[in-house]
Amino acid sequence: MAMVCLTDFEEYAKQHLSKATWDYYAAGADECCTRDDNLLAYKRIRLRPRILRDVSVSDTRTTVQGTEISFPVGIAPTAFHCLAWHEGEMATARATEAVNTCYITSTYSTCSVEEIVAAAPNGYRWFQLYVYRDRKLSEQIVHRVEALGYKALVLTVDVPYTGKRRNDIRNQFKLPPHLKVKNFDGVFQETAGPEEYGIPANTLDPSISWKDVYWLQSLTRLPIIIKGILTKEDAELAVEHGVQGIIVSNHGGRQLDGGPATIDALSEIVDTVQGRIEVYLDGGIRTGSDVLKAVALGAKCVFIGRPAVWGLAYKGEEGVREVLQILNDEFRLSMALSGCRNVAEINRNLIQFSKL
C-alpha cells in the first residue's frame, strides 16, 4: 500500500497496534474537544497565494536556537516509543538525524538518553523535562543530558496533574513488563503502590511555579524552552523569566479539555513576544500546508507528536523518515504554490481568516 499522506500512517497504526496502545497514543482528555480542535482549527484558516513569483528554486531550511535544520518541522516529545516499534526512540533518533531536524526526547522514553545518543551520535536533540517532587531526580537528568550533548531543555509546564484520559482508565493502561521508563531505571524502588504511566503515582510536583524556572537556570547553561503556554500573559512572563523559547502546546489535547487549539493561540503569543525569543508550536500538524500556516502566523518551527509514532508503527526508523519526508515535500509544494521561495518569505500576509 502506497503511503501518500500522514493519515495513511494513522490508518496503518490503528490497524496494527494493540487497542490499549492505540488508545494511549490517540487519547485526549475528557471529551477530546481540544484534541480534535487542534486539527479542525487549521481547516478554518485560508491561504492568500501570490502568483508569478519564480518558484523554480526553493529552500525549506531554517534555524532553531541558531542551529540549521532542513525544514521547520521537528519531533515533539512523546512517551514510550517501544510500544510502537521494538527499537523505540533509537529508531526515532536515527530518522531525525538522517533528515537533519530536531528531536525532542521525552523524559518518558523507553530507551535511555545514553542509548539514544549512541544510536544517532550526530543528531540535533533537545530534552523534555518534568519537575519532580524529588528535585534531585530532575537535577540528575539535567546533568546527564547536558553532558551527553543535548542542546536545550524543554520544560513541560502543563502537567501539575495528569489529565483524565478516559480510555486509559477503561483499559487500565500500564507499560508491559518488558518495557520501562529507561531514564529512571533502578531509581524507584519496586513498590506495590499505584503507578501512573510507568512511574509511581504522585511523582510529578504540582507546586511547580515560575521560581522553578530560575532554579533550572541555576543548574545548567543550556537554553530553556517552556512547553505548554497558551496565553499572552504567560508568554510575557516567560520572556521576563529569561527563557529562550516557548512551545505553544496543549499537550495534544491530553490535559485541559476546552482550551484553545494551538494554532488559534499562536498569534497573540507571537504578537506579545515580538521576536524577543523564538516561538514554536505543536498539535494538529498533519499536512505541509498546516506547517505553512503555522510558520506564516509566526511559529519558527512546528513539532509533530502522534504522526511520528504512526511512522514508527509502520516501519520504525524508515517509517519516521517517510513521515518527515512527506511533510517536507508537501511543505515545499505549498510554499511554491503560495509564491514563497524560502522560509523568510513566509509571513502573515499569506493568511486569510475565513468566516466559518
Protein backbone atom coordinates (compact mmCIF):
# COMPACT_ATOMS: atom_id res chain seq x y z
CA MET A 1 0.00 0.00 0.00
CA ALA A 2 1.44 3.38 -1.01
CA MET A 3 1.82 5.78 1.91
CA VAL A 4 0.81 9.10 0.38
CA CYS A 5 -0.10 11.29 3.35
CA LEU A 6 0.10 11.23 7.15
CA THR A 7 -3.43 9.86 7.59
CA ASP A 8 -2.31 6.71 5.71
CA PHE A 9 0.17 6.10 8.54
CA GLU A 10 -2.56 6.78 11.10
CA GLU A 11 -4.81 4.14 9.49
CA TYR A 12 -1.96 1.63 9.43
CA ALA A 13 -1.10 2.25 13.09
CA LYS A 14 -4.73 1.93 14.17
CA GLN A 15 -4.99 -1.45 12.42
CA HIS A 16 -1.68 -2.86 13.67
CA LEU A 17 -1.19 -1.60 17.25
CA SER A 18 -2.96 -3.26 20.18
CA LYS A 19 -6.15 -1.50 21.28
CA ALA A 20 -4.63 -0.32 24.58
CA THR A 21 -1.55 1.08 22.79
CA TRP A 22 -3.59 2.79 20.07
CA ASP A 23 -5.93 4.26 22.68
CA TYR A 24 -2.98 5.52 24.73
CA TYR A 25 -1.46 7.40 21.78
CA ALA A 26 -4.81 8.63 20.45
CA ALA A 27 -6.18 9.73 23.83
CA GLY A 28 -7.35 13.23 24.56
CA ALA A 29 -8.64 14.47 27.89
CA ASP A 30 -12.34 14.19 28.80
CA GLU A 31 -14.45 14.66 25.64
CA CYS A 32 -11.40 15.24 23.38
CA CYS A 33 -12.73 18.63 22.21
CA THR A 34 -9.31 20.27 22.34
CA ARG A 35 -7.57 17.29 20.74
CA ASP A 36 -9.97 17.42 17.80
CA ASP A 37 -9.97 21.22 17.57
CA ASN A 38 -6.17 21.18 17.15
CA LEU A 39 -6.83 19.66 13.71
CA LEU A 40 -10.07 21.42 12.81
CA ALA A 41 -8.61 24.86 13.51
CA TYR A 42 -6.24 24.54 10.52
CA LYS A 43 -9.21 23.98 8.21
CA ARG A 44 -10.68 27.36 9.26
CA ILE A 45 -7.56 29.17 8.04
CA ARG A 46 -7.29 30.06 4.35
CA LEU A 47 -4.15 30.96 2.42
CA ARG A 48 -3.73 34.02 0.13
CA PRO A 49 -1.38 32.71 -2.57
CA ARG A 50 0.76 35.05 -4.66
CA ILE A 51 1.47 34.08 -8.25
CA LEU A 52 4.16 34.65 -10.92
CA ARG A 53 6.93 34.76 -8.34
CA ASP A 54 9.51 32.40 -9.98
CA VAL A 55 9.41 29.46 -7.63
CA SER A 56 11.75 27.32 -9.78
CA VAL A 57 14.19 27.09 -6.87
CA SER A 58 13.01 26.67 -3.28
CA ASP A 59 14.73 26.38 0.08
CA THR A 60 12.94 24.98 3.15
CA ARG A 61 15.86 25.38 5.58
CA THR A 62 15.51 27.36 8.78
CA THR A 63 17.22 27.64 12.17
CA VAL A 64 16.14 26.89 15.73
CA GLN A 65 18.22 28.34 18.57
CA GLY A 66 20.87 29.19 15.99
CA THR A 67 21.17 25.67 14.55
CA GLU A 68 20.22 24.98 10.94
CA ILE A 69 17.60 22.32 10.25
CA SER A 70 16.37 21.08 6.87
CA PHE A 71 12.80 22.34 7.28
CA PRO A 72 10.69 23.81 10.10
CA VAL A 73 9.34 20.51 11.45
CA GLY A 74 10.80 18.58 14.37
CA ILE A 75 9.70 15.67 16.52
CA ALA A 76 7.73 16.57 19.66
CA PRO A 77 8.39 14.68 22.89
CA THR A 78 6.08 11.67 23.14
CA ALA A 79 6.42 8.75 25.54
CA PHE A 80 7.01 5.03 25.13
CA HIS A 81 8.15 4.64 21.51
CA CYS A 82 8.96 0.96 22.13
CA LEU A 83 5.20 0.34 22.32
CA ALA A 84 5.07 1.19 18.60
CA TRP A 85 8.37 -0.35 17.41
CA HIS A 86 10.93 -2.58 19.14
CA GLU A 87 13.83 -0.12 18.72
CA GLY A 88 11.69 2.73 20.01
CA GLU A 89 13.37 6.09 20.50
CA MET A 90 16.63 4.86 18.96
CA ALA A 91 14.79 4.50 15.62
CA THR A 92 13.20 7.95 16.04
CA ALA A 93 16.61 9.47 16.75
CA ARG A 94 18.19 7.89 13.67
CA ALA A 95 15.34 9.09 11.46
CA THR A 96 15.58 12.71 12.64
CA GLU A 97 19.37 12.63 12.31
CA ALA A 98 19.02 11.39 8.69
CA VAL A 99 16.53 14.13 7.82
CA ASN A 100 18.56 16.75 9.73
CA THR A 101 15.95 18.16 12.05
CA CYS A 102 15.35 18.47 15.79
CA TYR A 103 14.24 15.59 18.01
CA ILE A 104 12.87 16.45 21.45
CA THR A 105 13.46 13.35 23.57
CA SER A 106 10.78 12.64 26.17
CA THR A 107 11.63 12.03 29.83
CA TYR A 108 9.24 9.07 29.47
CA SER A 109 11.37 7.27 26.89
CA THR A 110 11.61 3.51 26.73
CA CYS A 111 15.28 3.87 25.72
CA SER A 112 17.76 5.75 27.91
CA VAL A 113 19.22 9.10 26.87
CA GLU A 114 22.59 7.35 26.53
CA GLU A 115 21.16 4.72 24.14
CA ILE A 116 19.51 7.44 22.06
CA VAL A 117 22.76 9.40 21.69
CA ALA A 118 24.69 6.23 20.81
CA ALA A 119 22.11 5.38 18.12
CA ALA A 120 22.38 8.79 16.43
CA PRO A 121 25.60 10.44 17.61
CA ASN A 122 25.34 13.43 15.25
CA GLY A 123 21.64 14.14 15.77
CA TYR A 124 20.39 17.54 16.96
CA ARG A 125 18.45 16.94 20.17
CA TRP A 126 16.62 18.76 22.93
CA PHE A 127 15.46 17.06 26.13
CA GLN A 128 11.95 17.36 27.56
CA LEU A 129 11.87 17.63 31.32
CA TYR A 130 9.33 17.43 34.12
CA VAL A 131 9.89 18.79 37.62
CA TYR A 132 9.51 16.09 40.27
CA ARG A 133 8.69 16.35 43.96
CA ASP A 134 12.17 14.93 44.44
CA ARG A 135 14.15 17.73 42.81
CA LYS A 136 17.27 15.57 42.81
CA LEU A 137 15.67 13.38 40.12
CA SER A 138 15.22 16.39 37.84
CA GLU A 139 18.69 17.68 38.69
CA GLN A 140 20.42 14.39 37.85
CA ILE A 141 18.73 14.05 34.46
CA VAL A 142 19.61 17.68 33.57
CA HIS A 143 23.30 16.99 34.25
CA ARG A 144 23.14 13.70 32.33
CA VAL A 145 21.67 15.22 29.17
CA GLU A 146 23.93 18.26 29.28
CA ALA A 147 26.99 16.00 29.46
CA LEU A 148 25.61 13.93 26.56
CA GLY A 149 25.38 16.94 24.26
CA TYR A 150 21.66 17.68 24.27
CA LYS A 151 21.32 21.29 23.10
CA ALA A 152 18.30 22.60 25.06
CA LEU A 153 15.92 21.74 27.87
CA VAL A 154 12.20 21.74 27.15
CA LEU A 155 10.32 22.24 30.43
CA THR A 156 6.76 20.91 30.22
CA VAL A 157 4.58 23.14 32.38
CA ASP A 158 1.01 21.96 31.70
CA VAL A 159 1.05 18.81 33.85
CA PRO A 160 0.76 19.69 37.55
CA TYR A 161 -1.56 16.68 37.44
CA THR A 162 -2.25 14.24 34.60
CA GLY A 163 -5.37 14.93 32.51
CA LYS A 164 -8.29 12.49 32.63
CA ARG A 165 -7.90 10.21 29.62
CA ARG A 166 -10.99 8.03 29.70
CA ASN A 167 -9.78 5.13 27.56
CA ASP A 168 -6.56 4.77 29.56
CA ILE A 169 -8.70 4.42 32.68
CA ARG A 170 -11.04 1.92 31.00
CA ASN A 171 -8.09 -0.08 29.62
CA GLN A 172 -6.18 0.21 32.93
CA PHE A 173 -3.24 1.23 30.77
CA LYS A 174 0.14 0.01 32.02
CA LEU A 175 3.51 -0.46 30.37
CA PRO A 176 4.04 -4.14 29.53
CA PRO A 177 6.50 -5.89 31.88
CA HIS A 178 9.36 -5.92 29.32
CA LEU A 179 9.33 -2.10 28.98
CA LYS A 180 10.18 0.60 31.48
CA VAL A 181 10.85 4.32 31.71
CA LYS A 182 14.53 3.73 31.00
CA ASN A 183 15.86 7.08 32.28
CA PHE A 184 14.70 6.13 35.78
CA ASP A 185 15.81 2.51 35.68
CA GLY A 186 16.55 1.48 39.26
CA VAL A 187 15.61 4.89 40.68
CA PHE A 188 12.22 3.90 42.06
CA GLN A 189 12.13 1.01 44.49
CA GLU A 190 9.72 -1.71 43.39
CA THR A 191 6.60 -0.57 45.19
CA ALA A 192 3.18 -2.11 45.37
CA GLY A 193 1.73 1.40 45.23
CA PRO A 194 -0.26 2.81 42.33
CA GLU A 195 1.65 3.52 39.15
CA GLU A 196 0.94 6.22 36.58
CA TYR A 197 2.41 5.88 33.08
CA GLY A 198 5.39 3.81 34.17
CA ILE A 199 6.44 5.61 37.35
CA PRO A 200 4.91 5.77 40.86
CA ALA A 201 1.82 7.98 41.09
CA ASN A 202 2.36 11.46 42.60
CA THR A 203 5.96 11.72 41.41
CA LEU A 204 5.26 14.96 39.48
CA ASP A 205 5.29 18.14 41.55
CA PRO A 206 2.03 20.15 41.39
CA SER A 207 3.68 23.02 43.28
CA ILE A 208 5.83 23.90 40.26
CA SER A 209 5.87 27.68 39.68
CA TRP A 210 7.85 30.40 37.89
CA LYS A 211 10.55 30.29 40.55
CA ASP A 212 11.41 26.78 39.34
CA VAL A 213 12.49 28.33 36.04
CA TYR A 214 15.15 30.27 37.97
CA TRP A 215 16.07 27.07 39.82
CA LEU A 216 16.54 25.27 36.49
CA GLN A 217 18.66 28.13 35.13
CA SER A 218 20.91 27.80 38.19
CA LEU A 219 21.60 24.14 37.28
CA THR A 220 22.50 24.46 33.63
CA ARG A 221 23.90 26.59 30.85
CA LEU A 222 21.52 25.04 28.33
CA PRO A 223 18.79 27.20 26.82
CA ILE A 224 15.41 26.62 28.46
CA ILE A 225 12.28 26.35 26.35
CA ILE A 226 8.88 26.31 28.02
CA LYS A 227 6.32 23.93 26.55
CA GLY A 228 2.65 24.39 27.34
CA ILE A 229 1.97 28.14 27.04
CA LEU A 230 -1.39 29.17 25.57
CA THR A 231 -1.84 32.83 26.61
CA LYS A 232 -0.14 36.16 26.02
CA GLU A 233 0.11 36.72 29.79
CA ASP A 234 2.20 33.58 30.30
CA ALA A 235 4.21 34.34 27.16
CA GLU A 236 5.18 37.72 28.66
CA LEU A 237 6.12 36.06 31.97
CA ALA A 238 8.25 33.53 30.08
CA VAL A 239 10.20 36.34 28.39
CA GLU A 240 10.59 38.16 31.73
CA HIS A 241 11.98 34.99 33.31
CA GLY A 242 14.72 34.79 30.67
CA VAL A 243 13.78 31.61 28.84
CA GLN A 244 14.99 31.16 25.27
CA GLY A 245 11.83 29.81 23.66
CA ILE A 246 8.17 28.90 24.00
CA ILE A 247 6.34 25.90 22.57
CA VAL A 248 2.68 26.82 22.17
CA SER A 249 1.16 23.50 23.20
CA ASN A 250 -1.91 21.98 24.85
CA HIS A 251 -0.21 18.59 25.23
CA GLY A 252 -2.01 17.22 22.17
CA GLY A 253 -5.35 17.89 23.88
CA ARG A 254 -4.43 15.42 26.65
CA GLN A 255 -4.51 17.82 29.63
CA LEU A 256 -7.17 20.56 29.92
CA ASP A 257 -10.12 19.89 27.63
CA GLY A 258 -11.78 23.09 26.44
CA GLY A 259 -8.61 25.13 25.95
CA PRO A 260 -7.78 26.68 22.58
CA ALA A 261 -6.36 24.90 19.56
CA THR A 262 -2.66 25.74 19.47
CA ILE A 263 -2.82 27.40 16.04
CA ASP A 264 -5.57 29.70 17.41
CA ALA A 265 -3.43 30.63 20.43
CA LEU A 266 -0.32 31.29 18.34
CA SER A 267 -0.98 34.83 17.08
CA GLU A 268 -1.49 36.51 20.46
CA ILE A 269 1.68 34.88 21.76
CA VAL A 270 3.75 35.89 18.72
CA ASP A 271 2.39 39.46 18.99
CA THR A 272 3.32 39.63 22.67
CA VAL A 273 6.80 38.13 22.30
CA GLN A 274 7.65 40.40 19.33
CA GLY A 275 10.73 38.46 18.33
CA ARG A 276 12.43 38.63 21.73
CA ILE A 277 12.53 34.81 21.89
CA GLU A 278 11.61 32.06 19.43
CA VAL A 279 8.06 30.71 19.41
CA TYR A 280 7.30 27.15 18.31
CA LEU A 281 4.08 25.13 18.16
CA ASP A 282 2.86 21.57 18.36
CA GLY A 283 -0.58 19.96 17.98
CA GLY A 284 -2.64 19.15 14.91
CA ILE A 285 0.03 19.32 12.19
CA ARG A 286 -0.96 16.78 9.53
CA THR A 287 -0.01 18.36 6.17
CA GLY A 288 2.61 20.62 4.63
CA SER A 289 0.06 23.40 4.34
CA ASP A 290 -0.56 23.15 8.11
CA VAL A 291 3.18 23.79 8.54
CA LEU A 292 2.98 26.74 6.13
CA LYS A 293 0.04 28.27 8.06
CA ALA A 294 1.84 27.94 11.40
CA VAL A 295 5.05 29.49 10.05
CA ALA A 296 3.04 32.29 8.40
CA LEU A 297 1.45 33.04 11.79
CA GLY A 298 4.86 33.34 13.40
CA ALA A 299 6.00 29.87 14.50
CA LYS A 300 9.75 29.42 13.95
CA CYS A 301 9.27 25.65 13.80
CA VAL A 302 6.49 23.14 14.50
CA PHE A 303 6.74 19.75 16.17
CA ILE A 304 4.80 16.57 15.41
CA GLY A 305 3.81 14.05 18.08
CA ARG A 306 1.36 11.34 17.08
CA PRO A 307 2.41 11.21 13.38
CA ALA A 308 5.95 10.24 14.42
CA VAL A 309 4.54 7.36 16.44
CA TRP A 310 2.42 6.25 13.45
CA GLY A 311 5.58 6.26 11.33
CA LEU A 312 7.31 4.07 13.92
CA ALA A 313 4.39 1.66 13.98
CA TYR A 314 4.57 1.40 10.18
CA LYS A 315 8.28 0.71 9.73
CA GLY A 316 10.45 2.01 12.55
CA GLU A 317 13.21 4.40 11.52
CA GLU A 318 12.20 4.19 7.87
CA GLY A 319 8.58 4.99 8.73
CA VAL A 320 9.50 8.11 10.72
CA ARG A 321 11.73 9.20 7.85
CA GLU A 322 8.87 8.75 5.41
CA VAL A 323 6.51 10.80 7.58
CA LEU A 324 9.07 13.63 7.77
CA GLN A 325 9.83 13.38 4.05
CA ILE A 326 6.15 13.56 3.10
CA LEU A 327 5.70 16.65 5.29
CA ASN A 328 8.83 18.21 3.79
CA ASP A 329 7.64 17.56 0.22
CA GLU A 330 4.15 18.87 0.97
CA PHE A 331 5.56 21.97 2.71
CA ARG A 332 7.85 22.72 -0.23
CA LEU A 333 4.92 22.37 -2.66
CA SER A 334 2.56 24.53 -0.54
CA MET A 335 5.31 27.18 -0.30
CA ALA A 336 5.80 27.23 -4.06
CA LEU A 337 2.07 27.28 -4.80
CA SER A 338 1.76 30.25 -2.41
CA GLY A 339 4.62 32.11 -4.08
CA CYS A 340 7.26 31.62 -1.36
CA ARG A 341 10.81 30.68 -2.37
CA ASN A 342 12.23 30.37 1.13
CA VAL A 343 11.09 30.40 4.74
CA ALA A 344 11.96 34.09 5.15
CA GLU A 345 9.31 34.97 2.55
CA ILE A 346 6.52 33.31 4.57
CA ASN A 347 4.61 35.90 6.58
CA ARG A 348 1.16 36.83 7.86
CA ASN A 349 0.14 38.37 4.51
CA LEU A 350 -0.30 34.77 3.42
CA ILE A 351 -3.16 34.21 5.86
CA GLN A 352 -6.82 34.99 5.45
CA PHE A 353 -9.08 34.05 8.34
CA SER A 354 -12.30 32.70 6.83
CA LYS A 355 -15.71 33.42 8.30
CA LEU A 356 -16.58 29.81 9.14
